[in-house]
Full PDB file with SEQRES, HELIX, SHEET, SSBOND, CRYST1, ORIGX, SCALE, CONECT and MASTER records, all heavy atoms in Angstrom:
SEQRES   1 A   31  SER HIS ARG LEU CYS ILE TRP HIS ILE GLU GLN ASN ILE          
SEQRES   2 A   31  VAL ARG ASN LEU HIS GLU ASP GLY VAL LYS ASP ASP PHE          
SEQRES   3 A   31  ARG HIS PHE LEU TYR                                          
HELIX    1 AA1 ILE A    6  ASN A   16  1                                  11    
HELIX    2 AA2 ASP A   20  LEU A   30  1                                  11    
CRYST1    1.000    1.000    1.000  90.00  90.00  90.00 P 1           1          
ORIGX1      1.000000  0.000000  0.000000        0.00000                         
ORIGX2      0.000000  1.000000  0.000000        0.00000                         
ORIGX3      0.000000  0.000000  1.000000        0.00000                         
SCALE1      1.000000  0.000000  0.000000        0.00000                         
SCALE2      0.000000  1.000000  0.000000        0.00000                         
SCALE3      0.000000  0.000000  1.000000        0.00000                         
ATOM      1  N   SER A   1       0.797  -1.255   0.050  1.00  0.00           N  
ATOM      2  CA  SER A   1       0.028  -0.041   0.002  1.00  0.00           C  
ATOM      3  C   SER A   1       0.941   1.254   0.041  1.00  0.00           C  
ATOM      4  O   SER A   1       1.776   1.265   0.865  1.00  0.00           O  
ATOM      5  CB  SER A   1      -0.955  -0.024   1.295  1.00  0.00           C  
ATOM      6  OG  SER A   1      -1.725  -1.062   1.369  1.00  0.00           O  
ATOM      7  N   HIS A   2       0.634   2.185  -0.894  1.00  0.00           N  
ATOM      8  CA  HIS A   2       1.491   3.379  -1.041  1.00  0.00           C  
ATOM      9  C   HIS A   2       0.589   4.524  -0.770  1.00  0.00           C  
ATOM     10  O   HIS A   2      -0.440   4.844  -1.321  1.00  0.00           O  
ATOM     11  CB  HIS A   2       1.999   3.405  -2.406  1.00  0.00           C  
ATOM     12  CG  HIS A   2       2.835   4.717  -2.608  1.00  0.00           C  
ATOM     13  ND1 HIS A   2       2.992   5.252  -3.852  1.00  0.00           N  
ATOM     14  CD2 HIS A   2       3.521   5.514  -1.689  1.00  0.00           C  
ATOM     15  CE1 HIS A   2       3.761   6.381  -3.725  1.00  0.00           C  
ATOM     16  NE2 HIS A   2       4.122   6.432  -2.491  1.00  0.00           N  
ATOM     17  N   ARG A   3       1.093   5.368   0.209  1.00  0.00           N  
ATOM     18  CA  ARG A   3       0.334   6.654   0.566  1.00  0.00           C  
ATOM     19  C   ARG A   3       1.265   7.810   0.530  1.00  0.00           C  
ATOM     20  O   ARG A   3       2.394   7.718   0.896  1.00  0.00           O  
ATOM     21  CB  ARG A   3      -0.206   6.395   2.066  1.00  0.00           C  
ATOM     22  CG  ARG A   3      -1.079   7.545   2.529  1.00  0.00           C  
ATOM     23  CD  ARG A   3      -1.746   7.272   3.861  1.00  0.00           C  
ATOM     24  NE  ARG A   3      -2.844   8.071   4.257  1.00  0.00           N  
ATOM     25  CZ  ARG A   3      -3.676   7.966   5.138  1.00  0.00           C  
ATOM     26  NH1 ARG A   3      -3.478   6.843   5.990  1.00  0.00           N  
ATOM     27  NH2 ARG A   3      -4.550   8.798   5.395  1.00  0.00           N  
ATOM     28  N   LEU A   4       0.695   8.931   0.108  1.00  0.00           N  
ATOM     29  CA  LEU A   4       1.472  10.107   0.033  1.00  0.00           C  
ATOM     30  C   LEU A   4       1.488  10.798   1.369  1.00  0.00           C  
ATOM     31  O   LEU A   4       0.503  10.643   2.236  1.00  0.00           O  
ATOM     32  CB  LEU A   4       0.914  11.161  -1.025  1.00  0.00           C  
ATOM     33  CG  LEU A   4       0.952  10.849  -2.470  1.00  0.00           C  
ATOM     34  CD1 LEU A   4       0.453  11.936  -3.278  1.00  0.00           C  
ATOM     35  CD2 LEU A   4       2.345  10.500  -2.859  1.00  0.00           C  
ATOM     36  N   CYS A   5       2.598  11.434   1.724  1.00  0.00           N  
ATOM     37  CA  CYS A   5       2.807  12.138   3.013  1.00  0.00           C  
ATOM     38  C   CYS A   5       1.778  13.219   3.229  1.00  0.00           C  
ATOM     39  O   CYS A   5       1.640  14.056   2.424  1.00  0.00           O  
ATOM     40  CB  CYS A   5       4.260  12.559   3.145  1.00  0.00           C  
ATOM     41  SG  CYS A   5       4.419  13.848   4.270  1.00  0.00           S  
ATOM     42  N   ILE A   6       1.012  13.153   4.301  1.00  0.00           N  
ATOM     43  CA  ILE A   6       0.047  14.191   4.572  1.00  0.00           C  
ATOM     44  C   ILE A   6       0.675  15.523   4.802  1.00  0.00           C  
ATOM     45  O   ILE A   6       0.059  16.527   4.498  1.00  0.00           O  
ATOM     46  CB  ILE A   6      -0.869  13.703   5.723  1.00  0.00           C  
ATOM     47  CG1 ILE A   6      -1.857  12.602   5.152  1.00  0.00           C  
ATOM     48  CG2 ILE A   6      -1.682  14.928   6.325  1.00  0.00           C  
ATOM     49  CD1 ILE A   6      -2.827  12.205   6.212  1.00  0.00           C  
ATOM     50  N   TRP A   7       1.786  15.567   5.379  1.00  0.00           N  
ATOM     51  CA  TRP A   7       2.449  16.766   5.766  1.00  0.00           C  
ATOM     52  C   TRP A   7       2.794  17.501   4.483  1.00  0.00           C  
ATOM     53  O   TRP A   7       2.487  18.785   4.364  1.00  0.00           O  
ATOM     54  CB  TRP A   7       3.768  16.580   6.493  1.00  0.00           C  
ATOM     55  CG  TRP A   7       4.479  17.804   6.941  1.00  0.00           C  
ATOM     56  CD1 TRP A   7       4.254  18.630   8.014  1.00  0.00           C  
ATOM     57  CD2 TRP A   7       5.558  18.380   6.165  1.00  0.00           C  
ATOM     58  NE1 TRP A   7       5.159  19.565   8.059  1.00  0.00           N  
ATOM     59  CE2 TRP A   7       5.915  19.578   6.883  1.00  0.00           C  
ATOM     60  CE3 TRP A   7       6.325  18.166   5.018  1.00  0.00           C  
ATOM     61  CZ2 TRP A   7       6.842  20.491   6.587  1.00  0.00           C  
ATOM     62  CZ3 TRP A   7       7.293  18.960   4.617  1.00  0.00           C  
ATOM     63  CH2 TRP A   7       7.641  20.118   5.385  1.00  0.00           C  
ATOM     64  N   HIS A   8       3.308  16.893   3.409  1.00  0.00           N  
ATOM     65  CA  HIS A   8       3.665  17.468   2.206  1.00  0.00           C  
ATOM     66  C   HIS A   8       2.346  17.946   1.447  1.00  0.00           C  
ATOM     67  O   HIS A   8       2.353  18.971   0.794  1.00  0.00           O  
ATOM     68  CB  HIS A   8       4.247  16.487   1.188  1.00  0.00           C  
ATOM     69  CG  HIS A   8       5.779  16.436   1.495  1.00  0.00           C  
ATOM     70  ND1 HIS A   8       6.374  15.462   2.255  1.00  0.00           N  
ATOM     71  CD2 HIS A   8       6.886  17.286   1.008  1.00  0.00           C  
ATOM     72  CE1 HIS A   8       7.739  15.715   2.307  1.00  0.00           C  
ATOM     73  NE2 HIS A   8       7.952  16.683   1.597  1.00  0.00           N  
ATOM     74  N   ILE A   9       1.253  17.205   1.570  1.00  0.00           N  
ATOM     75  CA  ILE A   9       0.068  17.611   1.013  1.00  0.00           C  
ATOM     76  C   ILE A   9      -0.592  18.914   1.658  1.00  0.00           C  
ATOM     77  O   ILE A   9      -1.089  19.811   0.939  1.00  0.00           O  
ATOM     78  CB  ILE A   9      -1.113  16.490   1.114  1.00  0.00           C  
ATOM     79  CG1 ILE A   9      -0.586  15.322   0.239  1.00  0.00           C  
ATOM     80  CG2 ILE A   9      -2.582  16.948   0.581  1.00  0.00           C  
ATOM     81  CD1 ILE A   9      -1.655  14.124   0.459  1.00  0.00           C  
ATOM     82  N   GLU A  10      -0.429  18.936   2.937  1.00  0.00           N  
ATOM     83  CA  GLU A  10      -0.847  20.128   3.641  1.00  0.00           C  
ATOM     84  C   GLU A  10      -0.018  21.363   3.166  1.00  0.00           C  
ATOM     85  O   GLU A  10      -0.580  22.492   3.023  1.00  0.00           O  
ATOM     86  CB  GLU A  10      -0.638  19.925   5.231  1.00  0.00           C  
ATOM     87  CG  GLU A  10      -1.705  19.228   5.822  1.00  0.00           C  
ATOM     88  CD  GLU A  10      -2.994  19.783   6.003  1.00  0.00           C  
ATOM     89  OE1 GLU A  10      -3.144  21.075   5.600  1.00  0.00           O  
ATOM     90  OE2 GLU A  10      -3.987  19.214   6.537  1.00  0.00           O  
ATOM     91  N   GLN A  11       1.188  21.092   2.955  1.00  0.00           N  
ATOM     92  CA  GLN A  11       2.032  22.250   2.433  1.00  0.00           C  
ATOM     93  C   GLN A  11       1.556  22.708   1.064  1.00  0.00           C  
ATOM     94  O   GLN A  11       1.485  23.901   0.799  1.00  0.00           O  
ATOM     95  CB  GLN A  11       3.552  21.774   2.252  1.00  0.00           C  
ATOM     96  CG  GLN A  11       4.246  21.535   3.648  1.00  0.00           C  
ATOM     97  CD  GLN A  11       4.465  22.706   4.400  1.00  0.00           C  
ATOM     98  OE1 GLN A  11       5.041  23.707   3.946  1.00  0.00           O  
ATOM     99  NE2 GLN A  11       4.067  22.728   5.628  1.00  0.00           N  
ATOM    100  N   ASN A  12       1.149  21.763   0.235  1.00  0.00           N  
ATOM    101  CA  ASN A  12       0.621  22.084  -1.161  1.00  0.00           C  
ATOM    102  C   ASN A  12      -0.737  22.775  -1.047  1.00  0.00           C  
ATOM    103  O   ASN A  12      -1.084  23.543  -1.883  1.00  0.00           O  
ATOM    104  CB  ASN A  12       0.564  20.867  -1.992  1.00  0.00           C  
ATOM    105  CG  ASN A  12       2.005  20.413  -2.532  1.00  0.00           C  
ATOM    106  OD1 ASN A  12       2.810  21.335  -2.912  1.00  0.00           O  
ATOM    107  ND2 ASN A  12       2.299  19.176  -2.525  1.00  0.00           N  
ATOM    108  N   ILE A  13      -1.467  22.350  -0.141  1.00  0.00           N  
ATOM    109  CA  ILE A  13      -2.819  22.891   0.115  1.00  0.00           C  
ATOM    110  C   ILE A  13      -2.595  24.461   0.239  1.00  0.00           C  
ATOM    111  O   ILE A  13      -3.300  25.362  -0.218  1.00  0.00           O  
ATOM    112  CB  ILE A  13      -3.568  22.344   1.266  1.00  0.00           C  
ATOM    113  CG1 ILE A  13      -4.054  20.938   0.921  1.00  0.00           C  
ATOM    114  CG2 ILE A  13      -4.723  23.253   1.684  1.00  0.00           C  
ATOM    115  CD1 ILE A  13      -4.762  20.142   2.135  1.00  0.00           C  
ATOM    116  N   VAL A  14      -1.665  24.751   1.276  1.00  0.00           N  
ATOM    117  CA  VAL A  14      -1.424  26.217   1.606  1.00  0.00           C  
ATOM    118  C   VAL A  14      -0.932  26.892   0.364  1.00  0.00           C  
ATOM    119  O   VAL A  14      -1.245  28.031   0.009  1.00  0.00           O  
ATOM    120  CB  VAL A  14      -0.498  26.353   2.752  1.00  0.00           C  
ATOM    121  CG1 VAL A  14      -0.037  27.752   2.885  1.00  0.00           C  
ATOM    122  CG2 VAL A  14      -1.106  25.735   3.958  1.00  0.00           C  
ATOM    123  N   ARG A  15       0.002  26.247  -0.443  1.00  0.00           N  
ATOM    124  CA  ARG A  15       0.636  26.908  -1.617  1.00  0.00           C  
ATOM    125  C   ARG A  15      -0.312  26.994  -2.799  1.00  0.00           C  
ATOM    126  O   ARG A  15      -0.216  28.021  -3.569  1.00  0.00           O  
ATOM    127  CB  ARG A  15       1.753  25.978  -1.972  1.00  0.00           C  
ATOM    128  CG  ARG A  15       2.722  26.564  -3.063  1.00  0.00           C  
ATOM    129  CD  ARG A  15       3.923  25.795  -3.336  1.00  0.00           C  
ATOM    130  NE  ARG A  15       4.706  25.498  -2.240  1.00  0.00           N  
ATOM    131  CZ  ARG A  15       4.933  24.267  -1.592  1.00  0.00           C  
ATOM    132  NH1 ARG A  15       4.370  23.250  -2.134  1.00  0.00           N  
ATOM    133  NH2 ARG A  15       5.640  24.102  -0.564  1.00  0.00           N  
ATOM    134  N   ASN A  16      -1.322  26.094  -3.041  1.00  0.00           N  
ATOM    135  CA  ASN A  16      -2.083  26.094  -4.238  1.00  0.00           C  
ATOM    136  C   ASN A  16      -3.473  26.551  -4.064  1.00  0.00           C  
ATOM    137  O   ASN A  16      -4.083  26.886  -5.052  1.00  0.00           O  
ATOM    138  CB  ASN A  16      -2.096  24.659  -4.918  1.00  0.00           C  
ATOM    139  CG  ASN A  16      -0.669  24.253  -5.281  1.00  0.00           C  
ATOM    140  OD1 ASN A  16      -0.310  24.750  -6.390  1.00  0.00           O  
ATOM    141  ND2 ASN A  16      -0.015  23.419  -4.641  1.00  0.00           N  
ATOM    142  N   LEU A  17      -4.026  26.483  -2.805  1.00  0.00           N  
ATOM    143  CA  LEU A  17      -5.434  26.785  -2.638  1.00  0.00           C  
ATOM    144  C   LEU A  17      -5.446  28.075  -1.730  1.00  0.00           C  
ATOM    145  O   LEU A  17      -4.750  28.233  -0.708  1.00  0.00           O  
ATOM    146  CB  LEU A  17      -6.112  25.684  -1.902  1.00  0.00           C  
ATOM    147  CG  LEU A  17      -6.146  24.350  -2.631  1.00  0.00           C  
ATOM    148  CD1 LEU A  17      -7.062  23.381  -1.819  1.00  0.00           C  
ATOM    149  CD2 LEU A  17      -6.638  24.405  -4.043  1.00  0.00           C  
ATOM    150  N   HIS A  18      -6.311  29.084  -2.132  1.00  0.00           N  
ATOM    151  CA  HIS A  18      -6.330  30.387  -1.488  1.00  0.00           C  
ATOM    152  C   HIS A  18      -7.684  30.691  -0.843  1.00  0.00           C  
ATOM    153  O   HIS A  18      -7.726  31.830  -0.225  1.00  0.00           O  
ATOM    154  CB  HIS A  18      -5.960  31.488  -2.586  1.00  0.00           C  
ATOM    155  CG  HIS A  18      -4.607  31.098  -3.310  1.00  0.00           C  
ATOM    156  ND1 HIS A  18      -3.342  31.078  -2.684  1.00  0.00           N  
ATOM    157  CD2 HIS A  18      -4.415  30.812  -4.538  1.00  0.00           C  
ATOM    158  CE1 HIS A  18      -2.395  30.733  -3.485  1.00  0.00           C  
ATOM    159  NE2 HIS A  18      -3.056  30.574  -4.703  1.00  0.00           N  
ATOM    160  N   GLU A  19      -8.635  29.941  -1.026  1.00  0.00           N  
ATOM    161  CA  GLU A  19      -9.965  30.159  -0.394  1.00  0.00           C  
ATOM    162  C   GLU A  19     -10.195  29.090   0.712  1.00  0.00           C  
ATOM    163  O   GLU A  19      -9.997  27.853   0.570  1.00  0.00           O  
ATOM    164  CB  GLU A  19     -11.006  30.001  -1.398  1.00  0.00           C  
ATOM    165  CG  GLU A  19     -11.002  30.930  -2.605  1.00  0.00           C  
ATOM    166  CD  GLU A  19     -12.102  30.873  -3.518  1.00  0.00           C  
ATOM    167  OE1 GLU A  19     -13.075  30.219  -3.277  1.00  0.00           O  
ATOM    168  OE2 GLU A  19     -11.914  31.366  -4.661  1.00  0.00           O  
ATOM    169  N   ASP A  20     -10.463  29.646   1.896  1.00  0.00           N  
ATOM    170  CA  ASP A  20     -10.728  28.746   3.019  1.00  0.00           C  
ATOM    171  C   ASP A  20     -11.787  27.634   2.877  1.00  0.00           C  
ATOM    172  O   ASP A  20     -11.609  26.528   3.294  1.00  0.00           O  
ATOM    173  CB  ASP A  20     -11.088  29.544   4.298  1.00  0.00           C  
ATOM    174  CG  ASP A  20      -9.847  30.438   4.745  1.00  0.00           C  
ATOM    175  OD1 ASP A  20      -8.802  30.198   4.451  1.00  0.00           O  
ATOM    176  OD2 ASP A  20     -10.142  31.433   5.455  1.00  0.00           O  
ATOM    177  N   GLY A  21     -12.760  28.014   2.209  1.00  0.00           N  
ATOM    178  CA  GLY A  21     -13.933  27.079   1.840  1.00  0.00           C  
ATOM    179  C   GLY A  21     -13.288  25.841   0.946  1.00  0.00           C  
ATOM    180  O   GLY A  21     -13.667  24.717   1.248  1.00  0.00           O  
ATOM    181  N   VAL A  22     -12.556  26.099   0.098  1.00  0.00           N  
ATOM    182  CA  VAL A  22     -12.002  25.107  -0.835  1.00  0.00           C  
ATOM    183  C   VAL A  22     -11.019  24.245   0.053  1.00  0.00           C  
ATOM    184  O   VAL A  22     -11.134  22.960  -0.032  1.00  0.00           O  
ATOM    185  CB  VAL A  22     -11.268  25.702  -1.995  1.00  0.00           C  
ATOM    186  CG1 VAL A  22     -10.580  24.507  -2.883  1.00  0.00           C  
ATOM    187  CG2 VAL A  22     -12.183  26.576  -2.787  1.00  0.00           C  
ATOM    188  N   LYS A  23     -10.247  24.840   0.866  1.00  0.00           N  
ATOM    189  CA  LYS A  23      -9.375  24.087   1.698  1.00  0.00           C  
ATOM    190  C   LYS A  23      -9.992  23.193   2.683  1.00  0.00           C  
ATOM    191  O   LYS A  23      -9.693  21.913   2.784  1.00  0.00           O  
ATOM    192  CB  LYS A  23      -8.468  25.001   2.612  1.00  0.00           C  
ATOM    193  CG  LYS A  23      -7.501  25.908   1.719  1.00  0.00           C  
ATOM    194  CD  LYS A  23      -6.670  26.887   2.706  1.00  0.00           C  
ATOM    195  CE  LYS A  23      -5.885  27.799   1.883  1.00  0.00           C  
ATOM    196  NZ  LYS A  23      -5.085  28.713   2.779  1.00  0.00           N  
ATOM    197  N   ASP A  24     -11.080  23.677   3.256  1.00  0.00           N  
ATOM    198  CA  ASP A  24     -11.882  22.845   4.258  1.00  0.00           C  
ATOM    199  C   ASP A  24     -12.576  21.643   3.583  1.00  0.00           C  
ATOM    200  O   ASP A  24     -12.482  20.504   4.016  1.00  0.00           O  
ATOM    201  CB  ASP A  24     -12.946  23.750   4.879  1.00  0.00           C  
ATOM    202  CG  ASP A  24     -12.292  24.716   5.904  1.00  0.00           C  
ATOM    203  OD1 ASP A  24     -11.177  24.569   6.292  1.00  0.00           O  
ATOM    204  OD2 ASP A  24     -12.947  25.759   6.263  1.00  0.00           O  
ATOM    205  N   ASP A  25     -13.087  21.910   2.376  1.00  0.00           N  
ATOM    206  CA  ASP A  25     -13.801  20.769   1.745  1.00  0.00           C  
ATOM    207  C   ASP A  25     -12.721  19.794   1.193  1.00  0.00           C  
ATOM    208  O   ASP A  25     -13.023  18.546   1.225  1.00  0.00           O  
ATOM    209  CB  ASP A  25     -14.487  21.375   0.477  1.00  0.00           C  
ATOM    210  CG  ASP A  25     -15.819  22.258   0.818  1.00  0.00           C  
ATOM    211  OD1 ASP A  25     -16.134  22.254   2.013  1.00  0.00           O  
ATOM    212  OD2 ASP A  25     -16.318  22.941  -0.069  1.00  0.00           O  
ATOM    213  N   PHE A  26     -11.537  20.227   0.747  1.00  0.00           N  
ATOM    214  CA  PHE A  26     -10.595  19.294   0.322  1.00  0.00           C  
ATOM    215  C   PHE A  26     -10.078  18.406   1.570  1.00  0.00           C  
ATOM    216  O   PHE A  26      -9.810  17.268   1.316  1.00  0.00           O  
ATOM    217  CB  PHE A  26      -9.391  20.122  -0.335  1.00  0.00           C  
ATOM    218  CG  PHE A  26      -8.377  19.236  -0.777  1.00  0.00           C  
ATOM    219  CD1 PHE A  26      -8.382  18.712  -2.090  1.00  0.00           C  
ATOM    220  CD2 PHE A  26      -7.222  18.996  -0.141  1.00  0.00           C  
ATOM    221  CE1 PHE A  26      -7.443  17.888  -2.639  1.00  0.00           C  
ATOM    222  CE2 PHE A  26      -6.177  18.082  -0.702  1.00  0.00           C  
ATOM    223  CZ  PHE A  26      -6.282  17.562  -1.902  1.00  0.00           C  
ATOM    224  N   ARG A  27      -9.924  19.026   2.712  1.00  0.00           N  
ATOM    225  CA  ARG A  27      -9.359  18.249   3.768  1.00  0.00           C  
ATOM    226  C   ARG A  27     -10.374  17.207   4.267  1.00  0.00           C  
ATOM    227  O   ARG A  27      -9.824  16.224   4.916  1.00  0.00           O  
ATOM    228  CB  ARG A  27      -9.093  19.270   4.961  1.00  0.00           C  
ATOM    229  CG  ARG A  27      -7.790  20.053   4.720  1.00  0.00           C  
ATOM    230  CD  ARG A  27      -7.507  20.798   6.103  1.00  0.00           C  
ATOM    231  NE  ARG A  27      -6.281  21.525   5.880  1.00  0.00           N  
ATOM    232  CZ  ARG A  27      -6.130  22.852   5.660  1.00  0.00           C  
ATOM    233  NH1 ARG A  27      -7.153  23.574   5.659  1.00  0.00           N  
ATOM    234  NH2 ARG A  27      -4.988  23.478   5.543  1.00  0.00           N  
ATOM    235  N   HIS A  28     -11.602  17.162   3.883  1.00  0.00           N  
ATOM    236  CA  HIS A  28     -12.529  16.160   4.177  1.00  0.00           C  
ATOM    237  C   HIS A  28     -12.074  14.816   3.463  1.00  0.00           C  
ATOM    238  O   HIS A  28     -12.147  13.838   4.095  1.00  0.00           O  
ATOM    239  CB  HIS A  28     -13.932  16.547   3.787  1.00  0.00           C  
ATOM    240  CG  HIS A  28     -14.566  17.417   4.780  1.00  0.00           C  
ATOM    241  ND1 HIS A  28     -14.831  17.180   6.043  1.00  0.00           N  
ATOM    242  CD2 HIS A  28     -15.093  18.786   4.456  1.00  0.00           C  
ATOM    243  CE1 HIS A  28     -15.411  18.173   6.612  1.00  0.00           C  
ATOM    244  NE2 HIS A  28     -15.532  19.187   5.733  1.00  0.00           N  
ATOM    245  N   PHE A  29     -11.615  15.033   2.264  1.00  0.00           N  
ATOM    246  CA  PHE A  29     -11.140  13.828   1.506  1.00  0.00           C  
ATOM    247  C   PHE A  29      -9.773  13.354   2.121  1.00  0.00           C  
ATOM    248  O   PHE A  29      -9.491  12.195   2.045  1.00  0.00           O  
ATOM    249  CB  PHE A  29     -10.871  14.163   0.015  1.00  0.00           C  
ATOM    250  CG  PHE A  29     -12.137  14.593  -0.701  1.00  0.00           C  
ATOM    251  CD1 PHE A  29     -12.428  15.944  -0.892  1.00  0.00           C  
ATOM    252  CD2 PHE A  29     -13.079  13.630  -1.044  1.00  0.00           C  
ATOM    253  CE1 PHE A  29     -13.603  16.334  -1.517  1.00  0.00           C  
ATOM    254  CE2 PHE A  29     -14.174  13.998  -1.690  1.00  0.00           C  
ATOM    255  CZ  PHE A  29     -14.538  15.449  -1.899  1.00  0.00           C  
ATOM    256  N   LEU A  30      -8.994  14.215   2.702  1.00  0.00           N  
ATOM    257  CA  LEU A  30      -7.703  13.791   3.254  1.00  0.00           C  
ATOM    258  C   LEU A  30      -7.819  13.078   4.563  1.00  0.00           C  
ATOM    259  O   LEU A  30      -7.031  12.225   4.782  1.00  0.00           O  
ATOM    260  CB  LEU A  30      -6.954  15.054   3.493  1.00  0.00           C  
ATOM    261  CG  LEU A  30      -5.368  14.966   3.775  1.00  0.00           C  
ATOM    262  CD1 LEU A  30      -4.742  14.206   2.721  1.00  0.00           C  
ATOM    263  CD2 LEU A  30      -4.703  16.377   3.877  1.00  0.00           C  
ATOM    264  N   TYR A  31      -8.895  13.397   5.312  1.00  0.00           N  
ATOM    265  CA  TYR A  31      -8.950  12.828   6.752  1.00  0.00           C  
ATOM    266  C   TYR A  31     -10.190  11.928   6.990  1.00  0.00           C  
ATOM    267  O   TYR A  31     -10.156  11.022   7.805  1.00  0.00           O  
ATOM    268  CB  TYR A  31      -8.885  13.980   7.763  1.00  0.00           C  
ATOM    269  CG  TYR A  31      -7.639  14.755   7.671  1.00  0.00           C  
ATOM    270  CD1 TYR A  31      -7.526  15.976   7.227  1.00  0.00           C  
ATOM    271  CD2 TYR A  31      -6.480  14.231   8.250  1.00  0.00           C  
ATOM    272  CE1 TYR A  31      -6.420  16.819   7.107  1.00  0.00           C  
ATOM    273  CE2 TYR A  31      -5.299  14.951   8.292  1.00  0.00           C  
ATOM    274  CZ  TYR A  31      -5.225  16.176   7.611  1.00  0.00           C  
ATOM    275  OH  TYR A  31      -4.114  16.930   7.599  1.00  0.00           O  
TER     276      TYR A  31                                                      
MASTER        0    0    0    2    0    0    0    6  275    1    0    3          
END                                                                             
């Protein structure tokens, strides 16, 4: 089973997403 590092994904969320609503909705899929 291969999983991407959540810490790196969180870094990319901050870097690529700029609206809080989009970030919150995306994190539902992450957690």
